[in-house]
PDB file of N, CA and C in Angstrom:
ATOM      1  N   MET A   1      21.629  11.809  -6.338  1.00  0.00           N
ATOM      2  CA  MET A   1      20.472  12.439  -5.747  1.00  0.00           C
ATOM      3  C   MET A   1      20.919  13.100  -4.441  1.00  0.00           C
ATOM      4  N   THR A   2      20.532  14.347  -4.291  1.00  0.00           N
ATOM      5  CA  THR A   2      20.939  15.080  -3.092  1.00  0.00           C
ATOM      6  C   THR A   2      20.079  14.686  -1.905  1.00  0.00           C
ATOM      7  N   SER A   3      20.603  14.971  -0.729  1.00  0.00           N
ATOM      8  CA  SER A   3      19.848  14.634   0.477  1.00  0.00           C
ATOM      9  C   SER A   3      18.572  15.468   0.575  1.00  0.00           C
ATOM     10  N   THR A   4      18.591  16.693   0.052  1.00  0.00           N
ATOM     11  CA  THR A   4      17.386  17.523   0.063  1.00  0.00           C
ATOM     12  C   THR A   4      16.314  16.913  -0.823  1.00  0.00           C
ATOM     13  N   TYR A   5      16.711  16.411  -1.980  1.00  0.00           N
ATOM     14  CA  TYR A   5      15.765  15.792  -2.900  1.00  0.00           C
ATOM     15  C   TYR A   5      15.217  14.496  -2.295  1.00  0.00           C
ATOM     16  N   GLN A   6      16.068  13.735  -1.657  1.00  0.00           N
ATOM     17  CA  GLN A   6      15.618  12.506  -0.996  1.00  0.00           C
ATOM     18  C   GLN A   6      14.630  12.841   0.121  1.00  0.00           C
ATOM     19  N   ARG A   7      14.902  13.888   0.865  1.00  0.00           N
ATOM     20  CA  ARG A   7      13.993  14.320   1.933  1.00  0.00           C
ATOM     21  C   ARG A   7      12.649  14.730   1.336  1.00  0.00           C
ATOM     22  N   LEU A   8      12.684  15.418   0.207  1.00  0.00           N
ATOM     23  CA  LEU A   8      11.460  15.812  -0.471  1.00  0.00           C
ATOM     24  C   LEU A   8      10.635  14.589  -0.850  1.00  0.00           C
ATOM     25  N   LYS A   9      11.266  13.566  -1.379  1.00  0.00           N
ATOM     26  CA  LYS A   9      10.550  12.348  -1.732  1.00  0.00           C
ATOM     27  C   LYS A   9       9.964  11.673  -0.494  1.00  0.00           C
ATOM     28  N   GLU A  10      10.727  11.650   0.589  1.00  0.00           N
ATOM     29  CA  GLU A  10      10.231  11.047   1.826  1.00  0.00           C
ATOM     30  C   GLU A  10       9.050  11.830   2.391  1.00  0.00           C
ATOM     31  N   GLU A  11       9.131  13.146   2.339  1.00  0.00           N
ATOM     32  CA  GLU A  11       8.036  13.986   2.826  1.00  0.00           C
ATOM     33  C   GLU A  11       6.784  13.804   1.958  1.00  0.00           C
ATOM     34  N   THR A  12       6.984  13.626   0.664  1.00  0.00           N
ATOM     35  CA  THR A  12       5.859  13.389  -0.232  1.00  0.00           C
ATOM     36  C   THR A  12       5.158  12.090   0.147  1.00  0.00           C
ATOM     37  N   LEU A  13       5.925  11.039   0.372  1.00  0.00           N
ATOM     38  CA  LEU A  13       5.335   9.759   0.797  1.00  0.00           C
ATOM     39  C   LEU A  13       4.630   9.888   2.137  1.00  0.00           C
ATOM     40  N   ARG A  14       5.246  10.603   3.057  1.00  0.00           N
ATOM     41  CA  ARG A  14       4.650  10.791   4.380  1.00  0.00           C
ATOM     42  C   ARG A  14       3.328  11.556   4.266  1.00  0.00           C
ATOM     43  N   MET A  15       3.311  12.577   3.419  1.00  0.00           N
ATOM     44  CA  MET A  15       2.101  13.375   3.255  1.00  0.00           C
ATOM     45  C   MET A  15       0.972  12.547   2.658  1.00  0.00           C
ATOM     46  N   VAL A  16       1.275  11.755   1.640  1.00  0.00           N
ATOM     47  CA  VAL A  16       0.250  10.917   1.013  1.00  0.00           C
ATOM     48  C   VAL A  16      -0.230   9.853   2.002  1.00  0.00           C
ATOM     49  N   SER A  17       0.679   9.252   2.729  1.00  0.00           N
ATOM     50  CA  SER A  17       0.307   8.201   3.683  1.00  0.00           C
ATOM     51  C   SER A  17      -0.537   8.751   4.825  1.00  0.00           C
ATOM     52  N   GLY A  18      -0.315   9.994   5.190  1.00  0.00           N
ATOM     53  CA  GLY A  18      -1.045  10.594   6.304  1.00  0.00           C
ATOM     54  C   GLY A  18      -2.346  11.259   5.913  1.00  0.00           C
ATOM     55  N   ALA A  19      -2.637  11.312   4.619  1.00  0.00           N
ATOM     56  CA  ALA A  19      -3.857  11.956   4.141  1.00  0.00           C
ATOM     57  C   ALA A  19      -5.071  11.065   4.400  1.00  0.00           C
ATOM     58  N   PRO A  20      -6.242  11.680   4.516  1.00  0.00           N
ATOM     59  CA  PRO A  20      -7.458  10.868   4.661  1.00  0.00           C
ATOM     60  C   PRO A  20      -7.575   9.886   3.502  1.00  0.00           C
ATOM     61  N   ASP A  21      -7.901   8.668   3.795  1.00  0.00           N
ATOM     62  CA  ASP A  21      -8.007   7.594   2.799  1.00  0.00           C
ATOM     63  C   ASP A  21      -6.691   7.350   2.065  1.00  0.00           C
ATOM     64  N   GLN A  22      -5.602   7.859   2.595  1.00  0.00           N
ATOM     65  CA  GLN A  22      -4.263   7.718   2.019  1.00  0.00           C
ATOM     66  C   GLN A  22      -4.238   8.109   0.548  1.00  0.00           C
ATOM     67  N   ARG A  23      -4.922   9.204   0.234  1.00  0.00           N
ATOM     68  CA  ARG A  23      -4.856   9.756  -1.116  1.00  0.00           C
ATOM     69  C   ARG A  23      -4.901  11.273  -1.005  1.00  0.00           C
ATOM     70  N   LEU A  24      -4.284  11.905  -1.973  1.00  0.00           N
ATOM     71  CA  LEU A  24      -4.127  13.346  -1.937  1.00  0.00           C
ATOM     72  C   LEU A  24      -4.184  13.888  -3.357  1.00  0.00           C
ATOM     73  N   ARG A  25      -4.803  15.040  -3.523  1.00  0.00           N
ATOM     74  CA  ARG A  25      -4.818  15.664  -4.847  1.00  0.00           C
ATOM     75  C   ARG A  25      -3.407  16.147  -5.168  1.00  0.00           C
ATOM     76  N   PRO A  26      -2.904  15.845  -6.358  1.00  0.00           N
ATOM     77  CA  PRO A  26      -1.524  16.201  -6.709  1.00  0.00           C
ATOM     78  C   PRO A  26      -1.220  17.692  -6.558  1.00  0.00           C
ATOM     79  N   HIS A  27      -2.133  18.540  -6.981  1.00  0.00           N
ATOM     80  CA  HIS A  27      -1.898  19.977  -6.898  1.00  0.00           C
ATOM     81  C   HIS A  27      -1.720  20.418  -5.445  1.00  0.00           C
ATOM     82  N   ASP A  28      -2.542  19.876  -4.556  1.00  0.00           N
ATOM     83  CA  ASP A  28      -2.434  20.223  -3.136  1.00  0.00           C
ATOM     84  C   ASP A  28      -1.093  19.785  -2.560  1.00  0.00           C
ATOM     85  N   ALA A  29      -0.659  18.596  -2.922  1.00  0.00           N
ATOM     86  CA  ALA A  29       0.620  18.086  -2.424  1.00  0.00           C
ATOM     87  C   ALA A  29       1.774  18.945  -2.910  1.00  0.00           C
ATOM     88  N   VAL A  30       1.771  19.268  -4.190  1.00  0.00           N
ATOM     89  CA  VAL A  30       2.863  20.062  -4.772  1.00  0.00           C
ATOM     90  C   VAL A  30       2.929  21.429  -4.116  1.00  0.00           C
ATOM     91  N   ARG A  31       1.812  22.082  -4.011  1.00  0.00           N
ATOM     92  CA  ARG A  31       1.777  23.429  -3.435  1.00  0.00           C
ATOM     93  C   ARG A  31       2.221  23.422  -1.972  1.00  0.00           C
ATOM     94  N   THR A  32       1.712  22.496  -1.193  1.00  0.00           N
ATOM     95  CA  THR A  32       2.050  22.431   0.231  1.00  0.00           C
ATOM     96  C   THR A  32       3.520  22.102   0.446  1.00  0.00           C
ATOM     97  N   LEU A  33       4.027  21.110  -0.262  1.00  0.00           N
ATOM     98  CA  LEU A  33       5.426  20.723  -0.087  1.00  0.00           C
ATOM     99  C   LEU A  33       6.379  21.819  -0.540  1.00  0.00           C
ATOM    100  N   ALA A  34       6.071  22.477  -1.641  1.00  0.00           N
ATOM    101  CA  ALA A  34       6.934  23.557  -2.122  1.00  0.00           C
ATOM    102  C   ALA A  34       7.005  24.670  -1.086  1.00  0.00           C
ATOM    103  N   HIS A  35       5.877  25.012  -0.508  1.00  0.00           N
ATOM    104  CA  HIS A  35       5.841  26.074   0.498  1.00  0.00           C
ATOM    105  C   HIS A  35       6.538  25.639   1.790  1.00  0.00           C
ATOM    106  N   THR A  36       6.239  24.448   2.249  1.00  0.00           N
ATOM    107  CA  THR A  36       6.785  23.961   3.518  1.00  0.00           C
ATOM    108  C   THR A  36       8.296  23.772   3.464  1.00  0.00           C
ATOM    109  N   LEU A  37       8.793  23.206   2.374  1.00  0.00           N
ATOM    110  CA  LEU A  37      10.216  22.884   2.272  1.00  0.00           C
ATOM    111  C   LEU A  37      11.029  23.970   1.567  1.00  0.00           C
ATOM    112  N   GLY A  38      10.351  24.975   1.033  1.00  0.00           N
ATOM    113  CA  GLY A  38      11.061  26.062   0.388  1.00  0.00           C
ATOM    114  C   GLY A  38      11.745  25.670  -0.912  1.00  0.00           C
ATOM    115  N   VAL A  39      11.074  24.801  -1.685  1.00  0.00           N
ATOM    116  CA  VAL A  39      11.610  24.395  -2.987  1.00  0.00           C
ATOM    117  C   VAL A  39      10.603  24.796  -4.061  1.00  0.00           C
ATOM    118  N   SER A  40      11.024  24.742  -5.305  1.00  0.00           N
ATOM    119  CA  SER A  40      10.126  25.118  -6.390  1.00  0.00           C
ATOM    120  C   SER A  40       9.078  24.038  -6.635  1.00  0.00           C
ATOM    121  N   THR A  41       7.951  24.461  -7.190  1.00  0.00           N
ATOM    122  CA  THR A  41       6.916  23.489  -7.521  1.00  0.00           C
ATOM    123  C   THR A  41       7.411  22.532  -8.601  1.00  0.00           C
ATOM    124  N   GLN A  42       8.279  23.010  -9.469  1.00  0.00           N
ATOM    125  CA  GLN A  42       8.843  22.148 -10.514  1.00  0.00           C
ATOM    126  C   GLN A  42       9.653  21.002  -9.891  1.00  0.00           C
ATOM    127  N   THR A  43      10.404  21.291  -8.833  1.00  0.00           N
ATOM    128  CA  THR A  43      11.187  20.260  -8.152  1.00  0.00           C
ATOM    129  C   THR A  43      10.265  19.238  -7.496  1.00  0.00           C
ATOM    130  N   VAL A  44       9.190  19.715  -6.896  1.00  0.00           N
ATOM    131  CA  VAL A  44       8.242  18.796  -6.255  1.00  0.00           C
ATOM    132  C   VAL A  44       7.569  17.926  -7.313  1.00  0.00           C
ATOM    133  N   ARG A  45       7.164  18.526  -8.427  1.00  0.00           N
ATOM    134  CA  ARG A  45       6.546  17.738  -9.500  1.00  0.00           C
ATOM    135  C   ARG A  45       7.483  16.652 -10.007  1.00  0.00           C
ATOM    136  N   GLN A  46       8.767  16.978 -10.119  1.00  0.00           N
ATOM    137  CA  GLN A  46       9.741  15.982 -10.570  1.00  0.00           C
ATOM    138  C   GLN A  46       9.868  14.852  -9.550  1.00  0.00           C
ATOM    139  N   ALA A  47       9.855  15.183  -8.272  1.00  0.00           N
ATOM    140  CA  ALA A  47       9.921  14.151  -7.225  1.00  0.00           C
ATOM    141  C   ALA A  47       8.706  13.237  -7.304  1.00  0.00           C
ATOM    142  N   VAL A  48       7.530  13.821  -7.526  1.00  0.00           N
ATOM    143  CA  VAL A  48       6.313  13.016  -7.663  1.00  0.00           C
ATOM    144  C   VAL A  48       6.438  12.102  -8.883  1.00  0.00           C
ATOM    145  N   ARG A  49       6.913  12.653 -10.007  1.00  0.00           N
ATOM    146  CA  ARG A  49       7.110  11.828 -11.211  1.00  0.00           C
ATOM    147  C   ARG A  49       8.056  10.664 -10.937  1.00  0.00           C
ATOM    148  N   ASP A  50       9.144  10.950 -10.219  1.00  0.00           N
ATOM    149  CA  ASP A  50      10.104   9.892  -9.896  1.00  0.00           C
ATOM    150  C   ASP A  50       9.463   8.815  -9.031  1.00  0.00           C
ATOM    151  N   LEU A  51       8.665   9.223  -8.046  1.00  0.00           N
ATOM    152  CA  LEU A  51       8.001   8.245  -7.185  1.00  0.00           C
ATOM    153  C   LEU A  51       6.992   7.405  -7.970  1.00  0.00           C
ATOM    154  N   VAL A  52       6.328   8.007  -8.935  1.00  0.00           N
ATOM    155  CA  VAL A  52       5.401   7.258  -9.782  1.00  0.00           C
ATOM    156  C   VAL A  52       6.184   6.298 -10.676  1.00  0.00           C
ATOM    157  N   ASP A  53       7.276   6.777 -11.248  1.00  0.00           N
ATOM    158  CA  ASP A  53       8.111   5.911 -12.106  1.00  0.00           C
ATOM    159  C   ASP A  53       8.689   4.735 -11.331  1.00  0.00           C
ATOM    160  N   GLU A  54       9.012   4.950 -10.056  1.00  0.00           N
ATOM    161  CA  GLU A  54       9.552   3.877  -9.206  1.00  0.00           C
ATOM    162  C   GLU A  54       8.473   2.896  -8.778  1.00  0.00           C
ATOM    163  N   GLY A  55       7.211   3.268  -8.947  1.00  0.00           N
ATOM    164  CA  GLY A  55       6.112   2.395  -8.538  1.00  0.00           C
ATOM    165  C   GLY A  55       5.713   2.577  -7.093  1.00  0.00           C
ATOM    166  N   THR A  56       6.208   3.609  -6.431  1.00  0.00           N
ATOM    167  CA  THR A  56       5.879   3.864  -5.036  1.00  0.00           C
ATOM    168  C   THR A  56       4.540   4.573  -4.911  1.00  0.00           C
ATOM    169  N   LEU A  57       4.270   5.505  -5.820  1.00  0.00           N
ATOM    170  CA  LEU A  57       2.989   6.202  -5.868  1.00  0.00           C
ATOM    171  C   LEU A  57       2.311   5.897  -7.193  1.00  0.00           C
ATOM    172  N   VAL A  58       1.005   6.004  -7.197  1.00  0.00           N
ATOM    173  CA  VAL A  58       0.227   5.850  -8.427  1.00  0.00           C
ATOM    174  C   VAL A  58      -0.803   6.961  -8.490  1.00  0.00           C
ATOM    175  N   TYR A  59      -1.182   7.302  -9.707  1.00  0.00           N
ATOM    176  CA  TYR A  59      -2.302   8.217  -9.911  1.00  0.00           C
ATOM    177  C   TYR A  59      -3.565   7.378  -9.998  1.00  0.00           C
ATOM    178  N   THR A  60      -4.595   7.824  -9.305  1.00  0.00           N
ATOM    179  CA  THR A  60      -5.905   7.191  -9.418  1.00  0.00           C
ATOM    180  C   THR A  60      -6.895   8.282  -9.786  1.00  0.00           C
ATOM    181  N   TYR A  61      -8.009   7.885 -10.343  1.00  0.00           N
ATOM    182  CA  TYR A  61      -9.009   8.850 -10.793  1.00  0.00           C
ATOM    183  C   TYR A  61     -10.365   8.470 -10.245  1.00  0.00           C
ATOM    184  N   ARG A  62     -10.986   9.436  -9.633  1.00  0.00           N
ATOM    185  CA  ARG A  62     -12.357   9.280  -9.154  1.00  0.00           C
ATOM    186  C   ARG A  62     -13.104  10.522  -9.611  1.00  0.00           C
ATOM    187  N   ASP A  63     -14.138  10.306 -10.385  1.00  0.00           N
ATOM    188  CA  ASP A  63     -14.897  11.375 -11.049  1.00  0.00           C
ATOM    189  C   ASP A  63     -14.799  12.703 -10.335  1.00  0.00           C
ATOM    190  N   PRO A  64     -14.425  13.734 -10.959  1.00  0.00           N
ATOM    191  CA  PRO A  64     -13.541  13.920 -12.104  1.00  0.00           C
ATOM    192  C   PRO A  64     -12.140  14.284 -11.632  1.00  0.00           C
ATOM    193  N   THR A  65     -11.774  13.841 -10.451  1.00  0.00           N
ATOM    194  CA  THR A  65     -10.542  14.280  -9.802  1.00  0.00           C
ATOM    195  C   THR A  65      -9.474  13.201  -9.834  1.00  0.00           C
ATOM    196  N   SER A  66      -8.221  13.637  -9.978  1.00  0.00           N
ATOM    197  CA  SER A  66      -7.109  12.692  -9.871  1.00  0.00           C
ATOM    198  C   SER A  66      -6.509  12.790  -8.474  1.00  0.00           C
ATOM    199  N   PHE A  67      -5.952  11.686  -8.024  1.00  0.00           N
ATOM    200  CA  PHE A  67      -5.348  11.602  -6.706  1.00  0.00           C
ATOM    201  C   PHE A  67      -4.001  10.902  -6.803  1.00  0.00           C
ATOM    202  N   LEU A  68      -3.150  11.166  -5.830  1.00  0.00           N
ATOM    203  CA  LEU A  68      -1.922  10.401  -5.635  1.00  0.00           C
ATOM    204  C   LEU A  68      -2.172   9.450  -4.485  1.00  0.00           C
ATOM    205  N   GLU A  69      -1.815   8.197  -4.673  1.00  0.00           N
ATOM    206  CA  GLU A  69      -1.954   7.193  -3.618  1.00  0.00           C
ATOM    207  C   GLU A  69      -0.711   6.324  -3.591  1.00  0.00           C
ATOM    208  N   ARG A  70      -0.478   5.697  -2.436  1.00  0.00           N
ATOM    209  CA  ARG A  70       0.595   4.701  -2.363  1.00  0.00           C
ATOM    210  C   ARG A  70       0.183   3.519  -3.218  1.00  0.00           C
ATOM    211  N   SER A  71       1.121   2.975  -3.944  1.00  0.00           N
ATOM    212  CA  SER A  71       0.792   1.806  -4.757  1.00  0.00           C
ATOM    213  C   SER A  71       0.709   0.591  -3.849  1.00  0.00           C
ATOM    214  N   GLU A  72      -0.014  -0.385  -4.294  1.00  0.00           N
ATOM    215  CA  GLU A  72      -0.163  -1.617  -3.523  1.00  0.00           C
ATOM    216  C   GLU A  72       1.186  -2.293  -3.330  1.00  0.00           C
ATOM    217  N   ARG A  73       2.069  -2.155  -4.332  1.00  0.00           N
ATOM    218  CA  ARG A  73       3.395  -2.778  -4.239  1.00  0.00           C
ATOM    219  C   ARG A  73       4.258  -2.137  -3.160  1.00  0.00           C
ATOM    220  N   SER A  74       4.008  -0.852  -2.850  1.00  0.00           N
ATOM    221  CA  SER A  74       4.873  -0.172  -1.903  1.00  0.00           C
ATOM    222  C   SER A  74       4.401  -0.312  -0.463  1.00  0.00           C
ATOM    223  N   LEU A  75       3.214  -0.887  -0.268  1.00  0.00           N
ATOM    224  CA  LEU A  75       2.706  -1.065   1.088  1.00  0.00           C
ATOM    225  C   LEU A  75       3.328  -2.301   1.711  1.00  0.00           C
ATOM    226  N   PRO A  76       3.591  -2.253   3.024  1.00  0.00           N
ATOM    227  CA  PRO A  76       4.165  -3.436   3.675  1.00  0.00           C
ATOM    228  C   PRO A  76       3.183  -4.610   3.625  1.00  0.00           C
ATOM    229  N   ASP A  77       3.735  -5.807   3.566  1.00  0.00           N
ATOM    230  CA  ASP A  77       2.889  -6.998   3.561  1.00  0.00           C
ATOM    231  C   ASP A  77       2.114  -7.073   4.856  1.00  0.00           C
ATOM    232  N   ARG A  78       0.840  -7.424   4.705  1.00  0.00           N
ATOM    233  CA  ARG A  78      -0.011  -7.572   5.884  1.00  0.00           C
ATOM    234  C   ARG A  78      -0.136  -9.046   6.208  1.00  0.00           C
ATOM    235  N   PRO A  79      -0.067  -9.387   7.479  1.00  0.00           N
ATOM    236  CA  PRO A  79      -0.227 -10.796   7.836  1.00  0.00           C
ATOM    237  C   PRO A  79      -1.652 -11.265   7.519  1.00  0.00           C
ATOM    238  N   VAL A  80      -1.776 -12.467   7.051  1.00  0.00           N
ATOM    239  CA  VAL A  80      -3.078 -13.040   6.724  1.00  0.00           C
ATOM    240  C   VAL A  80      -3.578 -13.772   7.948  1.00  0.00           C
ATOM    241  N   GLY A  81      -4.866 -13.572   8.242  1.00  0.00           N
ATOM    242  CA  GLY A  81      -5.447 -14.351   9.323  1.00  0.00           C
ATOM    243  C   GLY A  81      -5.839 -13.535  10.409  1.00  0.00           C
TER     244      GLY A  81
END
């Protein structure tokens, strides 16, 4: 994996984490990242797929829209109490 591709994955996570309610419409993320980083939308889509396959991001659905969110497994443990 190239450093540019790794940076793309990190930027994708940062964008989703910084979004309101920590969720983002996939199309918006792909379009913004491709434009900002100067890569193809196909490359961004592949990075998103990889992050979903790794369990870092998940797709969620709220009538009738899909969103990308951080998975519960990828969030840091919160102290109880």
